[in-house]
Amino acid sequence: MRLAFASDHAGYVLKKALLEWLKDSEHQLIDLGTYDTQPVDYPDYAEKLGLKLLDGGAERGILICGSGVGASVAANKLPGIRAGLCHDTYSAHQGVEHDNMNVLTLGARVIGVELAKELVRAFVAAQFSSEERHHRRVKKIQALENKYCNADAPKSSL
């Protein structure tokens, strides 16, 4: 599987550890940055990772920031990206199986390296369900994206 990785400065150390752990695996690893701990903005890396998936350059992505929340929010702004913040293995595999999650988001300041490895293992091993109810629900998610991702859709303000 082609796996894209991206992080902000807070997620850099965890991203580096996961890439090192997976380097001899059967997976093709794509590191989209950041490449050090100098402060950067997580939405930039969420976009890079999302675009890599959307253009077919990777099948799934792993996105890491301090809490995982901001990166997840940003990634989910890209139509076709279904990012889930996970702290447990059930959510990491169930998100793929039921929701066709294609981005695993992790909080480097929330979980440790060993749990992150377990989450990545569960995420990568999972397959989207063939059950009709799950396909129906993902189609409804896509319909929401189509409905609200246009010029006439209501916009939030800061």
C-alpha atoms as a PDB file:
ATOM      1  CA  MET A   1       0.000   0.000   0.000  1.00  0.00           C
ATOM      2  CA  ARG A   2       1.163   3.548  -0.748  1.00  0.00           C
ATOM      3  CA  LEU A   3       1.017   5.444   2.561  1.00  0.00           C
ATOM      4  CA  ALA A   4       1.449   9.202   2.707  1.00  0.00           C
ATOM      5  CA  PHE A   5       2.645  10.779   5.938  1.00  0.00           C
ATOM      6  CA  ALA A   6       2.509  14.427   6.919  1.00  0.00           C
ATOM      7  CA  SER A   7       2.830  16.357  10.150  1.00  0.00           C
ATOM      8  CA  ASP A   8       3.290  19.779  11.594  1.00  0.00           C
ATOM      9  CA  HIS A   9       6.206  20.554  13.905  1.00  0.00           C
ATOM     10  CA  ALA A  10       4.436  19.015  16.930  1.00  0.00           C
ATOM     11  CA  GLY A  11       3.948  15.730  15.089  1.00  0.00           C
ATOM     12  CA  TYR A  12       7.365  15.550  13.474  1.00  0.00           C
ATOM     13  CA  VAL A  13       9.050  13.281  16.036  1.00  0.00           C
ATOM     14  CA  LEU A  14       6.180  10.780  16.023  1.00  0.00           C
ATOM     15  CA  LYS A  15       6.023  10.824  12.212  1.00  0.00           C
ATOM     16  CA  LYS A  16       9.756  10.166  12.035  1.00  0.00           C
ATOM     17  CA  ALA A  17       9.416   7.228  14.472  1.00  0.00           C
ATOM     18  CA  LEU A  18       6.565   5.693  12.454  1.00  0.00           C
ATOM     19  CA  LEU A  19       8.438   6.053   9.173  1.00  0.00           C
ATOM     20  CA  GLU A  20      11.504   4.396  10.726  1.00  0.00           C
ATOM     21  CA  TRP A  21       9.336   1.571  12.081  1.00  0.00           C
ATOM     22  CA  LEU A  22       7.726   0.968   8.674  1.00  0.00           C
ATOM     23  CA  LYS A  23      10.814   1.432   6.494  1.00  0.00           C
ATOM     24  CA  ASP A  24      11.318  -2.307   5.912  1.00  0.00           C
ATOM     25  CA  SER A  25       7.626  -3.093   5.443  1.00  0.00           C
ATOM     26  CA  GLU A  26       5.916  -3.942   2.170  1.00  0.00           C
ATOM     27  CA  HIS A  27       4.385  -0.454   2.082  1.00  0.00           C
ATOM     28  CA  GLN A  28       5.586   2.410  -0.087  1.00  0.00           C
ATOM     29  CA  LEU A  29       6.096   5.351   2.273  1.00  0.00           C
ATOM     30  CA  ILE A  30       5.706   8.943   1.124  1.00  0.00           C
ATOM     31  CA  ASP A  31       6.923  11.659   3.495  1.00  0.00           C
ATOM     32  CA  LEU A  32       5.250  14.991   2.706  1.00  0.00           C
ATOM     33  CA  GLY A  33       6.883  16.909   5.536  1.00  0.00           C
ATOM     34  CA  THR A  34       7.454  18.757   7.695  1.00  0.00           C
ATOM     35  CA  TYR A  35      11.065  17.727   8.062  1.00  0.00           C
ATOM     36  CA  ASP A  36      12.004  19.304  11.387  1.00  0.00           C
ATOM     37  CA  THR A  37      10.522  20.903  14.504  1.00  0.00           C
ATOM     38  CA  GLN A  38      10.446  24.480  13.223  1.00  0.00           C
ATOM     39  CA  PRO A  39       6.890  25.850  13.647  1.00  0.00           C
ATOM     40  CA  VAL A  40       4.613  25.356  10.640  1.00  0.00           C
ATOM     41  CA  ASP A  41       0.858  25.391  10.140  1.00  0.00           C
ATOM     42  CA  TYR A  42      -0.958  22.036  10.177  1.00  0.00           C
ATOM     43  CA  PRO A  43      -3.571  23.040   7.529  1.00  0.00           C
ATOM     44  CA  ASP A  44      -0.780  23.265   4.942  1.00  0.00           C
ATOM     45  CA  TYR A  45       0.255  19.669   5.614  1.00  0.00           C
ATOM     46  CA  ALA A  46      -3.323  18.420   5.825  1.00  0.00           C
ATOM     47  CA  GLU A  47      -3.853  19.849   2.343  1.00  0.00           C
ATOM     48  CA  LYS A  48      -0.649  18.304   0.958  1.00  0.00           C
ATOM     49  CA  LEU A  49      -1.623  14.901   2.303  1.00  0.00           C
ATOM     50  CA  GLY A  50      -5.231  15.164   1.120  1.00  0.00           C
ATOM     51  CA  LEU A  51      -4.197  16.184  -2.373  1.00  0.00           C
ATOM     52  CA  LYS A  52      -1.765  13.259  -2.549  1.00  0.00           C
ATOM     53  CA  LEU A  53      -4.663  10.877  -1.851  1.00  0.00           C
ATOM     54  CA  LEU A  54      -7.054  12.639  -4.195  1.00  0.00           C
ATOM     55  CA  ASP A  55      -4.596  12.572  -7.113  1.00  0.00           C
ATOM     56  CA  GLY A  56      -3.988   8.837  -6.612  1.00  0.00           C
ATOM     57  CA  GLY A  57      -0.415   9.224  -5.392  1.00  0.00           C
ATOM     58  CA  ALA A  58      -1.259   7.390  -2.168  1.00  0.00           C
ATOM     59  CA  GLU A  59      -4.023   5.068  -1.041  1.00  0.00           C
ATOM     60  CA  ARG A  60      -4.173   6.186   2.586  1.00  0.00           C
ATOM     61  CA  GLY A  61      -2.641   8.857   4.735  1.00  0.00           C
ATOM     62  CA  ILE A  62      -1.385   9.343   8.260  1.00  0.00           C
ATOM     63  CA  LEU A  63      -1.539  12.916   9.501  1.00  0.00           C
ATOM     64  CA  ILE A  64      -0.048  14.043  12.813  1.00  0.00           C
ATOM     65  CA  CYS A  65      -0.217  17.249  14.821  1.00  0.00           C
ATOM     66  CA  GLY A  66      -0.075  17.980  18.547  1.00  0.00           C
ATOM     67  CA  SER A  67      -3.611  16.959  19.470  1.00  0.00           C
ATOM     68  CA  GLY A  68      -4.715  15.520  16.127  1.00  0.00           C
ATOM     69  CA  VAL A  69      -7.830  17.692  16.250  1.00  0.00           C
ATOM     70  CA  GLY A  70      -6.723  20.584  14.049  1.00  0.00           C
ATOM     71  CA  ALA A  71      -5.194  18.316  11.425  1.00  0.00           C
ATOM     72  CA  SER A  72      -8.366  16.228  11.320  1.00  0.00           C
ATOM     73  CA  VAL A  73     -10.579  19.293  10.946  1.00  0.00           C
ATOM     74  CA  ALA A  74      -8.394  20.687   8.162  1.00  0.00           C
ATOM     75  CA  ALA A  75      -8.117  17.400   6.257  1.00  0.00           C
ATOM     76  CA  ASN A  76     -11.875  16.904   6.324  1.00  0.00           C
ATOM     77  CA  LYS A  77     -12.337  20.175   4.431  1.00  0.00           C
ATOM     78  CA  LEU A  78     -11.106  18.469   1.265  1.00  0.00           C
ATOM     79  CA  PRO A  79     -13.975  16.724  -0.548  1.00  0.00           C
ATOM     80  CA  GLY A  80     -13.202  13.014  -0.709  1.00  0.00           C
ATOM     81  CA  ILE A  81     -11.058  12.979   2.408  1.00  0.00           C
ATOM     82  CA  ARG A  82     -12.459  11.098   5.382  1.00  0.00           C
ATOM     83  CA  ALA A  83     -10.038  11.712   8.236  1.00  0.00           C
ATOM     84  CA  GLY A  84     -10.548  10.280  11.693  1.00  0.00           C
ATOM     85  CA  LEU A  85      -8.739  11.128  14.891  1.00  0.00           C
ATOM     86  CA  CYS A  86      -8.101   7.849  16.691  1.00  0.00           C
ATOM     87  CA  HIS A  87      -6.748   6.972  20.106  1.00  0.00           C
ATOM     88  CA  ASP A  88      -7.859   3.321  20.128  1.00  0.00           C
ATOM     89  CA  THR A  89      -7.463   0.411  17.720  1.00  0.00           C
ATOM     90  CA  TYR A  90     -11.205  -0.225  17.416  1.00  0.00           C
ATOM     91  CA  SER A  91     -11.775   3.231  15.952  1.00  0.00           C
ATOM     92  CA  ALA A  92      -8.721   2.902  13.693  1.00  0.00           C
ATOM     93  CA  HIS A  93     -10.036  -0.223  11.966  1.00  0.00           C
ATOM     94  CA  GLN A  94     -13.764   0.451  12.308  1.00  0.00           C
ATOM     95  CA  GLY A  95     -13.325   3.873  10.682  1.00  0.00           C
ATOM     96  CA  VAL A  96     -12.026   2.151   7.566  1.00  0.00           C
ATOM     97  CA  GLU A  97     -14.475  -0.763   7.671  1.00  0.00           C
ATOM     98  CA  HIS A  98     -17.638   1.308   8.176  1.00  0.00           C
ATOM     99  CA  ASP A  99     -16.784   4.845   7.044  1.00  0.00           C
ATOM    100  CA  ASN A 100     -14.128   4.235   4.376  1.00  0.00           C
ATOM    101  CA  MET A 101     -11.747   6.446   6.372  1.00  0.00           C
ATOM    102  CA  ASN A 102      -8.708   7.210   4.252  1.00  0.00           C
ATOM    103  CA  VAL A 103      -6.709   9.364   6.680  1.00  0.00           C
ATOM    104  CA  LEU A 104      -5.703   8.352  10.190  1.00  0.00           C
ATOM    105  CA  THR A 105      -5.068  11.422  12.305  1.00  0.00           C
ATOM    106  CA  LEU A 106      -2.934  11.156  15.424  1.00  0.00           C
ATOM    107  CA  GLY A 107      -2.135  13.495  18.302  1.00  0.00           C
ATOM    108  CA  ALA A 108       1.564  13.311  19.089  1.00  0.00           C
ATOM    109  CA  ARG A 109       1.073  15.065  22.430  1.00  0.00           C
ATOM    110  CA  VAL A 110      -1.725  12.669  23.367  1.00  0.00           C
ATOM    111  CA  ILE A 111      -0.454   9.182  22.498  1.00  0.00           C
ATOM    112  CA  GLY A 112       2.933   7.489  22.597  1.00  0.00           C
ATOM    113  CA  VAL A 113       4.894   5.776  19.875  1.00  0.00           C
ATOM    114  CA  GLU A 114       3.804   2.218  20.755  1.00  0.00           C
ATOM    115  CA  LEU A 115       0.098   3.071  20.674  1.00  0.00           C
ATOM    116  CA  ALA A 116       0.637   4.979  17.432  1.00  0.00           C
ATOM    117  CA  LYS A 117       2.162   1.829  15.914  1.00  0.00           C
ATOM    118  CA  GLU A 118      -0.859  -0.234  16.982  1.00  0.00           C
ATOM    119  CA  LEU A 119      -3.213   2.343  15.483  1.00  0.00           C
ATOM    120  CA  VAL A 120      -1.318   2.433  12.188  1.00  0.00           C
ATOM    121  CA  ARG A 121      -1.269  -1.381  12.069  1.00  0.00           C
ATOM    122  CA  ALA A 122      -5.065  -1.542  12.606  1.00  0.00           C
ATOM    123  CA  PHE A 123      -5.739   1.249  10.083  1.00  0.00           C
ATOM    124  CA  VAL A 124      -3.590  -0.259   7.339  1.00  0.00           C
ATOM    125  CA  ALA A 125      -4.926  -3.809   7.811  1.00  0.00           C
ATOM    126  CA  ALA A 126      -8.589  -2.775   7.645  1.00  0.00           C
ATOM    127  CA  GLN A 127     -10.701  -2.938   4.494  1.00  0.00           C
ATOM    128  CA  PHE A 128     -13.913  -1.100   3.665  1.00  0.00           C
ATOM    129  CA  SER A 129     -16.966  -3.292   4.240  1.00  0.00           C
ATOM    130  CA  SER A 130     -18.959  -4.739   1.384  1.00  0.00           C
ATOM    131  CA  GLU A 131     -22.185  -4.303   3.384  1.00  0.00           C
ATOM    132  CA  GLU A 132     -24.781  -2.137   1.668  1.00  0.00           C
ATOM    133  CA  ARG A 133     -25.485  -0.034   4.780  1.00  0.00           C
ATOM    134  CA  HIS A 134     -21.893   1.213   4.892  1.00  0.00           C
ATOM    135  CA  HIS A 135     -21.850   2.060   1.186  1.00  0.00           C
ATOM    136  CA  ARG A 136     -25.179   3.888   1.605  1.00  0.00           C
ATOM    137  CA  ARG A 137     -23.794   5.954   4.488  1.00  0.00           C
ATOM    138  CA  VAL A 138     -20.597   6.893   2.658  1.00  0.00           C
ATOM    139  CA  LYS A 139     -22.712   7.978  -0.320  1.00  0.00           C
ATOM    140  CA  LYS A 140     -24.642  10.229   2.068  1.00  0.00           C
ATOM    141  CA  ILE A 141     -21.349  11.741   3.246  1.00  0.00           C
ATOM    142  CA  GLN A 142     -20.440  12.389  -0.394  1.00  0.00           C
ATOM    143  CA  ALA A 143     -23.855  13.982  -0.956  1.00  0.00           C
ATOM    144  CA  LEU A 144     -23.211  16.349   1.973  1.00  0.00           C
ATOM    145  CA  GLU A 145     -19.856  17.309   0.440  1.00  0.00           C
ATOM    146  CA  ASN A 146     -21.530  17.972  -2.910  1.00  0.00           C
ATOM    147  CA  LYS A 147     -24.330  19.963  -1.305  1.00  0.00           C
ATOM    148  CA  TYR A 148     -22.123  22.272   0.749  1.00  0.00           C
ATOM    149  CA  CYS A 149     -18.934  22.505  -1.303  1.00  0.00           C
ATOM    150  CA  ASN A 150     -20.162  25.063  -3.791  1.00  0.00           C
ATOM    151  CA  ALA A 151     -20.206  28.841  -4.092  1.00  0.00           C
ATOM    152  CA  ASP A 152     -23.780  29.170  -2.817  1.00  0.00           C
ATOM    153  CA  ALA A 153     -23.291  27.092   0.336  1.00  0.00           C
ATOM    154  CA  PRO A 154     -23.481  28.853   3.703  1.00  0.00           C
ATOM    155  CA  LYS A 155     -20.042  29.878   4.975  1.00  0.00           C
ATOM    156  CA  SER A 156     -18.846  30.071   8.548  1.00  0.00           C
ATOM    157  CA  SER A 157     -17.034  33.144   9.774  1.00  0.00           C
ATOM    158  CA  LEU A 158     -14.337  33.582  12.363  1.00  0.00           C
END
